[in-house]
Amino acid sequence: MQTLTSRPAGSLWACGRACLAGLLTALSLTACHRSEPAPTPPTTAASAGPLSAEDAALKAKLPETVTADNHSMIMDAILGKPKHSIKTIGILVYDGVNDLDFTGPRYVLGQAGAKTQLIGVKPGMIKTVMGVQVMPDTTMDQVQQLDILIIPGGFTGTIEAAYDPKVLDWIRAIDKGSVYTGAVCTGVWVLGATGLLEGKRASTNWYREDEFLKKYKAIPAHERYTRDGKYWTSAGVTAGMDMALAILHDNWGEKYTQGVMLDMEYDPAPPIKGGTPENTNWLVKWMMEAMYSAGVDPLIEKLEKAKP
């Protein structure tokens, strides 16, 4: 059994601009102590295109090397300033959460320079849908404000969260002060159960997408990720990374987002066509849908009957 803890805020990209600056400084200082000059990476046809006039003018003004004295200036000049001051980011986690639903956005948004926490529904370890044990940084009871809230999905644990009044009340309270509120995959069902998506365009997992969105009076968007005001929602699992990158892009800009994508080497190239109902063999889709329904329907029926 694997046990994970949330990545500390001081790790390389988790602190965003400051850590990238530190990395550049470290590389510069290391290069200064080499007996031989560092090799220059070759330029290939696959490299980024020619600089714009604006970027070319900026390049001409930049120093040749990064030092402890100039790295902040370089970072500000290249990356610019964020739209909103984001100081706190929280990702809700619970027993049965999908591993990639929360670790993908955690990795992306953890590089924004804000305090980023995994927030447990209850104290103690959680166990993901894949059986990985994770120790959240804190619990809902200890968090009263967040600038960004992300609600990941899963399977049975997600459905149970969508019927938990304590969870729904907490999300509503946090949403009152958030800059961005987002949900990934079936986590959109939890956000929808709060009533916050009523009348808003939204995306969610492909499984009975229209049915579940209409249940919460949301408007099915049928997109990989969707923005409606401050609300961001995504399709299943890997789409949560794209949504998180879109939030990063909206607030921190294109160059900052490209820096994170390069750190991730994020340029997906799956070996076969698939990943959406339209691109999946009919028999495979039918099998997956039947398997989901076998778990979802009895649990929803049970929880509906237990409602006061």
Protein backbone atom coordinates (compact mmCIF):
# COMPACT_ATOMS: atom_id res chain seq x y z
CA MET A 1 0.00 0.00 0.00
CA GLN A 2 1.43 3.37 -0.99
CA THR A 3 1.25 6.37 1.30
CA LEU A 4 1.59 9.90 0.02
CA THR A 5 1.69 13.26 1.66
CA SER A 6 0.93 16.56 -0.04
CA ARG A 7 4.01 18.08 -1.63
CA PRO A 8 5.56 20.77 0.60
CA ALA A 9 5.09 24.34 -0.50
CA GLY A 10 8.85 24.84 -0.72
CA SER A 11 9.41 22.30 -3.52
CA LEU A 12 10.72 23.40 -6.90
CA TRP A 13 7.66 24.62 -8.79
CA ALA A 14 5.18 24.60 -5.92
CA CYS A 15 6.12 28.16 -5.02
CA GLY A 16 5.83 29.36 -8.59
CA ARG A 17 7.72 32.51 -9.63
CA ALA A 18 10.03 32.58 -6.61
CA CYS A 19 11.15 28.97 -7.07
CA LEU A 20 11.62 29.32 -10.80
CA ALA A 21 13.76 32.34 -10.09
CA GLY A 22 15.74 30.31 -7.59
CA LEU A 23 16.22 27.54 -10.13
CA LEU A 24 17.47 29.95 -12.75
CA THR A 25 19.83 31.50 -10.23
CA ALA A 26 21.13 28.11 -9.16
CA LEU A 27 21.76 27.11 -12.76
CA SER A 28 23.54 30.38 -13.40
CA LEU A 29 25.75 30.07 -10.32
CA THR A 30 26.53 26.45 -11.14
CA ALA A 31 27.57 27.43 -14.63
CA CYS A 32 29.92 30.03 -13.15
CA HIS A 33 31.83 27.33 -11.26
CA ARG A 34 32.23 24.90 -14.16
CA SER A 35 35.70 24.39 -15.54
CA GLU A 36 34.21 24.34 -19.05
CA PRO A 37 31.37 26.46 -20.44
CA ALA A 38 27.92 24.86 -20.47
CA PRO A 39 26.92 23.52 -23.89
CA THR A 40 24.42 25.56 -25.86
CA PRO A 41 21.24 23.59 -26.64
CA PRO A 42 20.87 23.09 -30.39
CA THR A 43 18.16 24.97 -32.24
CA THR A 44 15.96 22.67 -34.28
CA ALA A 45 12.96 22.99 -36.54
CA ALA A 46 10.84 21.79 -33.64
CA SER A 47 11.82 24.80 -31.52
CA ALA A 48 9.35 27.57 -30.78
CA GLY A 49 8.68 30.00 -33.60
CA PRO A 50 10.35 33.37 -34.11
CA LEU A 51 10.01 35.97 -31.40
CA SER A 52 7.35 38.62 -31.72
CA ALA A 53 8.52 42.21 -32.00
CA GLU A 54 7.59 42.75 -28.36
CA ASP A 55 9.51 39.69 -27.17
CA ALA A 56 12.48 40.55 -29.35
CA ALA A 57 12.62 44.02 -27.80
CA LEU A 58 12.44 42.46 -24.32
CA LYS A 59 15.17 39.94 -25.17
CA ALA A 60 17.46 42.78 -26.22
CA LYS A 61 17.08 44.39 -22.79
CA LEU A 62 17.72 41.26 -20.74
CA PRO A 63 21.15 40.52 -19.25
CA GLU A 64 23.16 37.62 -20.65
CA THR A 65 23.10 35.64 -17.41
CA VAL A 66 20.78 35.23 -14.44
CA THR A 67 22.17 36.22 -11.05
CA ALA A 68 20.85 36.51 -7.52
CA ASP A 69 20.56 40.26 -8.06
CA ASN A 70 18.63 40.31 -11.32
CA HIS A 71 16.48 37.18 -11.31
CA SER A 72 13.39 38.91 -9.87
CA MET A 73 13.56 41.57 -12.55
CA ILE A 74 13.91 38.92 -15.27
CA MET A 75 10.98 36.91 -13.94
CA ASP A 76 8.71 39.97 -13.77
CA ALA A 77 9.76 41.12 -17.23
CA ILE A 78 9.11 37.75 -18.89
CA LEU A 79 6.13 36.47 -16.90
CA GLY A 80 4.33 39.69 -16.02
CA LYS A 81 1.89 40.12 -13.15
CA PRO A 82 -1.17 37.97 -12.33
CA LYS A 83 -4.70 39.27 -12.86
CA HIS A 84 -5.75 38.45 -9.28
CA SER A 85 -3.66 38.06 -6.15
CA ILE A 86 -4.08 34.37 -5.32
CA LYS A 87 -2.80 33.41 -1.89
CA THR A 88 -4.71 30.24 -1.01
CA ILE A 89 -5.65 27.20 -3.10
CA GLY A 90 -7.54 24.21 -1.73
CA ILE A 91 -8.37 20.83 -3.27
CA LEU A 92 -11.03 18.80 -1.48
CA VAL A 93 -10.16 15.12 -1.00
CA TYR A 94 -12.08 12.20 0.49
CA ASP A 95 -12.16 8.40 0.55
CA GLY A 96 -12.66 7.17 -3.00
CA VAL A 97 -11.39 10.29 -4.76
CA ASN A 98 -9.83 9.66 -8.16
CA ASP A 99 -6.05 9.89 -7.91
CA LEU A 100 -5.42 11.94 -11.04
CA ASP A 101 -8.48 14.13 -10.50
CA PHE A 102 -6.69 15.81 -7.61
CA THR A 103 -2.98 15.20 -8.27
CA GLY A 104 -3.17 16.70 -11.78
CA PRO A 105 -4.65 20.05 -10.67
CA ARG A 106 -2.50 19.91 -7.52
CA TYR A 107 0.65 19.72 -9.62
CA VAL A 108 -0.43 22.51 -11.98
CA LEU A 109 -1.88 24.95 -9.46
CA GLY A 110 0.79 24.10 -6.90
CA GLN A 111 3.19 26.07 -9.10
CA ALA A 112 1.25 29.31 -8.78
CA GLY A 113 3.14 30.64 -5.77
CA ALA A 114 0.16 30.30 -3.40
CA LYS A 115 -0.38 28.20 -0.31
CA THR A 116 -1.81 25.02 -1.82
CA GLN A 117 -3.46 22.41 0.38
CA LEU A 118 -5.26 19.11 0.15
CA ILE A 119 -8.32 19.49 2.37
CA GLY A 120 -9.84 16.36 3.85
CA VAL A 121 -13.54 15.93 4.52
CA LYS A 122 -12.55 14.36 7.86
CA PRO A 123 -9.30 13.99 9.86
CA GLY A 124 -6.78 11.30 9.03
CA MET A 125 -5.66 9.43 5.96
CA ILE A 126 -7.86 9.05 2.93
CA LYS A 127 -7.75 6.15 0.48
CA THR A 128 -8.08 6.97 -3.20
CA VAL A 129 -10.09 4.97 -5.71
CA MET A 130 -6.85 3.18 -6.64
CA GLY A 131 -6.06 2.31 -3.02
CA VAL A 132 -3.31 4.90 -2.46
CA GLN A 133 -3.30 6.34 1.05
CA VAL A 134 -2.90 10.11 1.23
CA MET A 135 -2.52 12.39 4.24
CA PRO A 136 -4.34 15.70 3.57
CA ASP A 137 -2.77 18.92 4.82
CA THR A 138 -5.85 19.93 6.78
CA THR A 139 -9.60 19.39 7.04
CA MET A 140 -12.70 21.35 6.06
CA ASP A 141 -13.27 22.40 9.67
CA GLN A 142 -9.95 24.26 9.64
CA VAL A 143 -10.49 26.20 6.41
CA GLN A 144 -12.78 29.22 6.19
CA GLN A 145 -11.44 30.97 3.07
CA LEU A 146 -9.84 30.03 -0.26
CA ASP A 147 -9.03 32.00 -3.38
CA ILE A 148 -9.28 28.86 -5.52
CA LEU A 149 -11.33 25.78 -4.65
CA ILE A 150 -11.14 22.58 -6.70
CA ILE A 151 -13.47 19.61 -6.18
CA PRO A 152 -12.16 16.40 -7.77
CA GLY A 153 -14.32 13.41 -8.65
CA GLY A 154 -14.20 9.69 -8.08
CA PHE A 155 -16.86 7.04 -7.83
CA THR A 156 -18.92 5.99 -4.81
CA GLY A 157 -17.14 8.42 -2.47
CA THR A 158 -18.05 11.27 -4.79
CA ILE A 159 -21.72 10.34 -4.85
CA GLU A 160 -21.74 10.14 -1.07
CA ALA A 161 -20.13 13.60 -0.87
CA ALA A 162 -22.88 14.97 -3.13
CA TYR A 163 -25.42 13.88 -0.48
CA ASP A 164 -23.40 15.11 2.53
CA PRO A 165 -24.93 18.36 3.88
CA LYS A 166 -21.71 19.24 5.73
CA VAL A 167 -19.66 19.04 2.53
CA LEU A 168 -22.21 21.02 0.51
CA ASP A 169 -22.53 23.74 3.16
CA TRP A 170 -18.74 24.08 3.35
CA ILE A 171 -18.42 24.44 -0.43
CA ARG A 172 -21.13 27.13 -0.47
CA ALA A 173 -19.37 29.03 2.32
CA ILE A 174 -15.96 28.87 0.62
CA ASP A 175 -17.48 29.86 -2.72
CA LYS A 176 -18.72 33.14 -1.29
CA GLY A 177 -15.14 34.41 -1.10
CA SER A 178 -13.41 32.49 -3.89
CA VAL A 179 -11.95 33.97 -7.05
CA TYR A 180 -12.25 30.65 -8.89
CA THR A 181 -14.39 27.63 -8.00
CA GLY A 182 -13.77 24.50 -10.05
CA ALA A 183 -14.64 20.84 -10.24
CA VAL A 184 -13.22 17.88 -12.14
CA CYS A 185 -15.07 14.92 -13.65
CA THR A 186 -17.78 13.60 -11.28
CA GLY A 187 -16.68 16.23 -8.78
CA VAL A 188 -18.99 18.43 -10.86
CA TRP A 189 -21.86 16.39 -9.40
CA VAL A 190 -20.78 17.53 -5.92
CA LEU A 191 -20.52 21.16 -7.02
CA GLY A 192 -23.87 20.82 -8.79
CA ALA A 193 -25.52 19.47 -5.65
CA THR A 194 -24.73 22.78 -3.90
CA GLY A 195 -26.98 24.61 -6.38
CA LEU A 196 -24.09 26.82 -7.51
CA LEU A 197 -24.20 25.59 -11.11
CA GLU A 198 -27.90 26.31 -11.63
CA GLY A 199 -28.34 28.09 -14.98
CA LYS A 200 -24.62 27.86 -15.77
CA ARG A 201 -22.85 26.07 -18.60
CA ALA A 202 -20.85 23.13 -17.33
CA SER A 203 -18.96 20.01 -18.33
CA THR A 204 -18.54 16.73 -16.48
CA ASN A 205 -17.61 13.08 -16.99
CA TRP A 206 -19.02 11.59 -20.22
CA TYR A 207 -21.11 9.03 -18.31
CA ARG A 208 -24.76 10.21 -18.46
CA GLU A 209 -23.41 13.74 -18.75
CA ASP A 210 -26.65 15.45 -19.78
CA GLU A 211 -28.67 13.58 -17.17
CA PHE A 212 -26.51 14.60 -14.23
CA LEU A 213 -26.00 18.20 -15.33
CA LYS A 214 -29.73 18.69 -15.90
CA LYS A 215 -30.40 17.13 -12.50
CA TYR A 216 -28.53 20.10 -11.02
CA LYS A 217 -30.14 22.57 -13.48
CA ALA A 218 -26.85 23.21 -15.24
CA ILE A 219 -26.53 23.59 -19.01
CA PRO A 220 -24.53 20.77 -20.65
CA ALA A 221 -21.62 22.27 -22.58
CA HIS A 222 -20.08 19.06 -23.96
CA GLU A 223 -16.59 20.52 -23.74
CA ARG A 224 -13.30 19.25 -22.33
CA TYR A 225 -13.50 22.09 -19.83
CA THR A 226 -15.93 24.97 -19.47
CA ARG A 227 -15.87 28.38 -17.87
CA ASP A 228 -18.99 30.26 -16.81
CA GLY A 229 -18.06 33.31 -14.78
CA LYS A 230 -15.81 32.20 -11.95
CA TYR A 231 -16.96 28.59 -12.25
CA TRP A 232 -14.74 26.11 -14.07
CA THR A 233 -15.79 22.51 -14.74
CA SER A 234 -14.16 19.72 -16.70
CA ALA A 235 -14.76 16.36 -18.28
CA GLY A 236 -13.15 13.27 -16.81
CA VAL A 237 -9.82 12.85 -15.05
CA THR A 238 -7.12 14.12 -17.45
CA ALA A 239 -9.36 17.03 -18.46
CA GLY A 240 -8.79 18.35 -14.94
CA MET A 241 -5.19 19.15 -15.85
CA ASP A 242 -6.33 21.09 -18.89
CA MET A 243 -8.83 22.97 -16.76
CA ALA A 244 -6.16 23.77 -14.17
CA LEU A 245 -3.85 25.00 -16.94
CA ALA A 246 -6.70 27.16 -18.26
CA ILE A 247 -7.17 28.71 -14.82
CA LEU A 248 -3.41 29.30 -14.64
CA HIS A 249 -3.50 30.89 -18.08
CA ASP A 250 -6.46 33.10 -17.20
CA ASN A 251 -4.81 34.50 -14.10
CA TRP A 252 -1.05 34.23 -14.65
CA GLY A 253 -0.84 34.51 -18.41
CA GLU A 254 0.50 32.60 -21.38
CA LYS A 255 4.22 32.59 -20.57
CA TYR A 256 3.72 31.46 -17.00
CA THR A 257 1.47 28.66 -18.23
CA GLN A 258 4.00 27.63 -20.86
CA GLY A 259 6.64 27.47 -18.15
CA VAL A 260 4.50 25.07 -16.13
CA MET A 261 3.70 23.01 -19.23
CA LEU A 262 7.39 22.76 -20.06
CA ASP A 263 8.14 21.69 -16.50
CA MET A 264 5.51 18.95 -16.95
CA GLU A 265 6.64 18.32 -20.56
CA TYR A 266 2.93 18.39 -21.19
CA ASP A 267 2.37 17.54 -24.85
CA PRO A 268 0.13 14.44 -24.85
CA ALA A 269 0.52 11.85 -27.61
CA PRO A 270 -1.55 8.73 -26.79
CA PRO A 271 -0.70 5.55 -28.74
CA ILE A 272 -4.22 5.05 -30.07
CA LYS A 273 -7.38 7.03 -30.72
CA GLY A 274 -9.77 6.99 -27.76
CA GLY A 275 -10.63 8.82 -24.58
CA THR A 276 -14.10 10.06 -25.55
CA PRO A 277 -17.31 8.16 -26.28
CA GLU A 278 -17.07 9.19 -29.94
CA ASN A 279 -13.56 7.77 -30.27
CA THR A 280 -14.19 4.52 -28.39
CA ASN A 281 -15.24 1.13 -29.73
CA TRP A 282 -18.99 0.66 -29.22
CA LEU A 283 -18.59 -2.57 -27.23
CA VAL A 284 -15.98 -1.02 -24.95
CA LYS A 285 -18.19 2.01 -24.32
CA TRP A 286 -21.22 -0.19 -23.62
CA MET A 287 -19.21 -2.30 -21.16
CA MET A 288 -17.87 0.75 -19.29
CA GLU A 289 -21.31 2.35 -19.11
CA ALA A 290 -22.87 -0.86 -17.76
CA MET A 291 -20.13 -1.22 -15.14
CA TYR A 292 -20.61 2.38 -13.98
CA SER A 293 -24.37 2.01 -13.78
CA ALA A 294 -24.08 -1.16 -11.70
CA GLY A 295 -22.33 0.86 -9.00
CA VAL A 296 -23.99 4.24 -9.38
CA ASP A 297 -27.68 3.41 -9.54
CA PRO A 298 -28.03 1.31 -6.34
CA LEU A 299 -26.02 3.85 -4.33
CA ILE A 300 -28.05 6.84 -5.54
CA GLU A 301 -31.27 4.97 -4.85
CA LYS A 302 -30.08 4.19 -1.31
CA LEU A 303 -29.01 7.79 -0.63
CA GLU A 304 -32.23 9.22 -2.08
CA LYS A 305 -34.26 7.04 0.28
CA ALA A 306 -32.14 8.16 3.24
CA LYS A 307 -32.71 11.86 2.58
CA PRO A 308 -34.69 13.61 5.33
